[in-house]
N, C-alpha and C. Protein backbone atom coordinates (compact mmCIF):
# COMPACT_ATOMS: atom_id res chain seq x y z
N MET A 1 91.27 92.56 251.09
CA MET A 1 92.05 93.87 250.88
C MET A 1 91.40 94.95 251.74
N ASP A 2 92.13 95.41 252.63
CA ASP A 2 91.73 96.23 253.80
C ASP A 2 92.29 97.54 254.04
N MET A 3 92.24 98.19 252.57
CA MET A 3 93.08 99.53 252.56
C MET A 3 91.84 100.49 252.42
N ASP A 4 91.98 101.82 252.96
CA ASP A 4 91.09 102.87 252.49
C ASP A 4 91.62 103.81 251.56
N PHE A 5 90.96 104.68 250.94
CA PHE A 5 91.12 105.27 249.77
C PHE A 5 92.39 106.19 250.02
N SER A 6 92.62 106.76 251.11
CA SER A 6 93.86 107.55 251.31
C SER A 6 94.96 106.72 251.11
N GLN A 7 95.23 105.53 251.46
CA GLN A 7 96.35 104.68 251.40
C GLN A 7 96.45 104.35 249.91
N VAL A 8 95.45 104.20 249.30
CA VAL A 8 95.67 103.65 247.69
C VAL A 8 96.05 104.97 247.05
N LYS A 9 95.74 106.10 247.25
CA LYS A 9 96.02 107.34 246.73
C LYS A 9 97.51 107.58 246.90
N SER A 10 97.82 107.26 248.35
CA SER A 10 99.33 107.69 248.68
C SER A 10 100.12 106.85 247.94
N LYS A 11 99.90 105.69 247.60
CA LYS A 11 100.69 104.60 247.00
C LYS A 11 100.84 104.95 245.48
N PHE A 12 99.61 105.34 244.92
CA PHE A 12 99.83 105.65 243.58
C PHE A 12 100.47 106.94 243.29
N LEU A 13 100.55 107.94 244.09
CA LEU A 13 101.11 109.35 244.16
C LEU A 13 102.70 108.93 244.25
N THR A 14 103.04 108.02 245.13
CA THR A 14 104.42 107.87 245.41
C THR A 14 105.00 106.97 244.05
N ALA A 15 104.25 106.05 243.34
CA ALA A 15 104.74 105.30 242.32
C ALA A 15 104.84 106.48 241.09
N ALA A 16 103.83 107.40 240.93
CA ALA A 16 103.92 108.35 239.88
C ALA A 16 105.22 109.18 240.08
N LEU A 17 105.62 109.45 241.29
CA LEU A 17 106.60 110.37 241.48
C LEU A 17 107.98 109.61 241.18
N ARG A 18 107.95 108.31 241.56
CA ARG A 18 109.09 107.55 241.09
C ARG A 18 109.32 107.62 239.63
N VAL A 19 108.40 107.72 238.83
CA VAL A 19 108.30 107.58 237.46
C VAL A 19 108.79 108.81 236.92
N VAL A 20 108.09 109.91 237.34
CA VAL A 20 108.47 111.30 237.04
C VAL A 20 109.80 111.73 237.12
N ASN A 21 110.31 111.26 238.36
CA ASN A 21 111.73 111.55 238.74
C ASN A 21 112.84 110.78 237.99
N ASP A 22 112.36 109.96 237.10
CA ASP A 22 113.40 109.14 236.27
C ASP A 22 113.96 109.97 235.35
N PRO A 23 115.41 110.25 235.28
CA PRO A 23 115.91 111.07 234.31
C PRO A 23 115.48 111.12 232.82
N ARG A 24 115.28 109.79 232.47
CA ARG A 24 114.84 109.57 230.98
C ARG A 24 113.54 110.27 230.94
N VAL A 25 112.48 109.91 231.87
CA VAL A 25 111.07 110.56 231.62
C VAL A 25 111.34 111.95 231.74
N MET A 26 111.99 112.50 232.71
CA MET A 26 112.14 114.03 232.84
C MET A 26 112.67 114.67 231.51
N LYS A 27 113.65 113.87 230.79
CA LYS A 27 114.26 114.63 229.62
C LYS A 27 112.88 114.43 228.54
N LEU A 28 112.29 113.49 228.41
CA LEU A 28 111.08 113.41 227.58
C LEU A 28 110.01 114.43 227.88
N ILE A 29 109.63 114.52 229.09
CA ILE A 29 108.75 115.53 229.64
C ILE A 29 109.20 117.15 229.43
N SER A 30 110.51 117.37 229.51
CA SER A 30 110.86 118.61 229.27
C SER A 30 111.17 119.08 227.86
N HIS A 31 110.87 118.20 226.92
CA HIS A 31 110.96 118.52 225.62
C HIS A 31 109.92 119.52 225.08
N PRO A 32 110.31 120.68 224.49
CA PRO A 32 109.13 121.65 224.13
C PRO A 32 107.83 121.15 223.50
N THR A 33 107.96 120.14 222.51
CA THR A 33 106.62 119.64 222.06
C THR A 33 105.87 118.88 222.99
N VAL A 34 106.42 118.28 223.88
CA VAL A 34 105.73 117.34 224.93
C VAL A 34 105.15 118.54 225.92
N MET A 35 105.97 119.33 226.32
CA MET A 35 105.63 120.47 227.41
C MET A 35 104.21 121.18 226.67
N ASN A 36 104.24 121.64 225.59
CA ASN A 36 103.13 122.21 224.82
C ASN A 36 101.84 121.35 224.76
N MET A 37 102.11 119.97 224.48
CA MET A 37 100.88 119.14 224.66
C MET A 37 100.34 119.07 225.91
N VAL A 38 101.17 118.81 226.85
CA VAL A 38 100.70 118.83 228.37
C VAL A 38 99.93 120.06 228.73
N THR A 39 100.42 121.16 228.29
CA THR A 39 99.89 122.58 228.87
C THR A 39 98.59 122.60 227.87
N LYS A 40 98.44 122.08 226.82
CA LYS A 40 97.11 122.28 226.08
C LYS A 40 96.13 121.37 226.85
N GLY A 41 96.59 120.09 227.21
CA GLY A 41 95.87 119.16 227.66
C GLY A 41 95.28 119.55 229.15
N LEU A 42 96.18 120.26 229.86
CA LEU A 42 95.67 120.72 231.22
C LEU A 42 94.48 121.83 231.00
N ASN A 43 94.87 122.75 229.97
CA ASN A 43 94.07 123.77 229.78
C ASN A 43 92.54 123.36 229.22
N PHE A 44 92.63 122.29 228.58
CA PHE A 44 91.29 121.62 228.07
C PHE A 44 90.67 121.10 229.37
N LYS A 45 91.28 120.30 230.24
CA LYS A 45 90.89 119.84 231.32
C LYS A 45 90.22 120.71 232.34
N ASP A 46 90.90 122.00 232.42
CA ASP A 46 90.43 123.00 233.28
C ASP A 46 89.08 123.56 232.68
N LYS A 47 88.97 123.64 231.43
CA LYS A 47 87.71 124.10 230.66
C LYS A 47 86.56 123.03 230.97
N ILE A 48 87.01 121.79 230.76
CA ILE A 48 85.94 120.74 231.10
C ILE A 48 85.54 120.77 232.78
N ASP A 49 86.42 120.90 233.63
CA ASP A 49 86.12 121.12 235.01
C ASP A 49 85.25 122.19 235.30
N ALA A 50 85.57 123.28 234.54
CA ALA A 50 84.52 124.65 234.77
C ALA A 50 83.11 124.42 234.31
N THR A 51 83.25 123.54 233.09
CA THR A 51 81.65 123.36 232.45
C THR A 51 80.92 122.54 233.47
N VAL A 52 81.62 121.30 233.98
CA VAL A 52 80.95 120.41 234.96
C VAL A 52 80.58 121.04 236.06
N LYS A 53 81.35 122.10 236.80
CA LYS A 53 80.97 122.81 237.91
C LYS A 53 79.63 123.58 237.70
N ILE A 54 79.60 124.30 236.39
CA ILE A 54 78.42 125.05 236.07
C ILE A 54 77.29 124.23 235.88
N TRP A 55 77.39 123.05 235.53
CA TRP A 55 76.15 122.14 235.17
C TRP A 55 75.71 121.40 236.75
N LYS A 56 76.70 121.44 237.56
CA LYS A 56 76.40 120.82 238.89
C LYS A 56 75.55 122.00 239.71
N GLU A 57 76.02 123.35 239.44
CA GLU A 57 75.28 124.36 240.12
C GLU A 57 73.93 124.58 239.57
N ASP A 58 73.77 124.38 238.14
CA ASP A 58 72.37 124.47 237.84
C ASP A 58 71.38 123.48 238.36
N ASN A 59 72.14 122.23 238.75
CA ASN A 59 70.96 121.39 239.26
C ASN A 59 70.73 121.61 240.58
């Protein structure tokens, strides 16, 4: 297998976009409960990223 990271990343993102653009998936994602959970998850991820960044700066 002779692929570099950018090719793998591109293929992964293309596949993810195909899934997200499916009308059935869009209907599920747009449900208020799901959107609320996604937003909370992204906020939590941002807090973890900020904490990791602080830890890296201390070292």
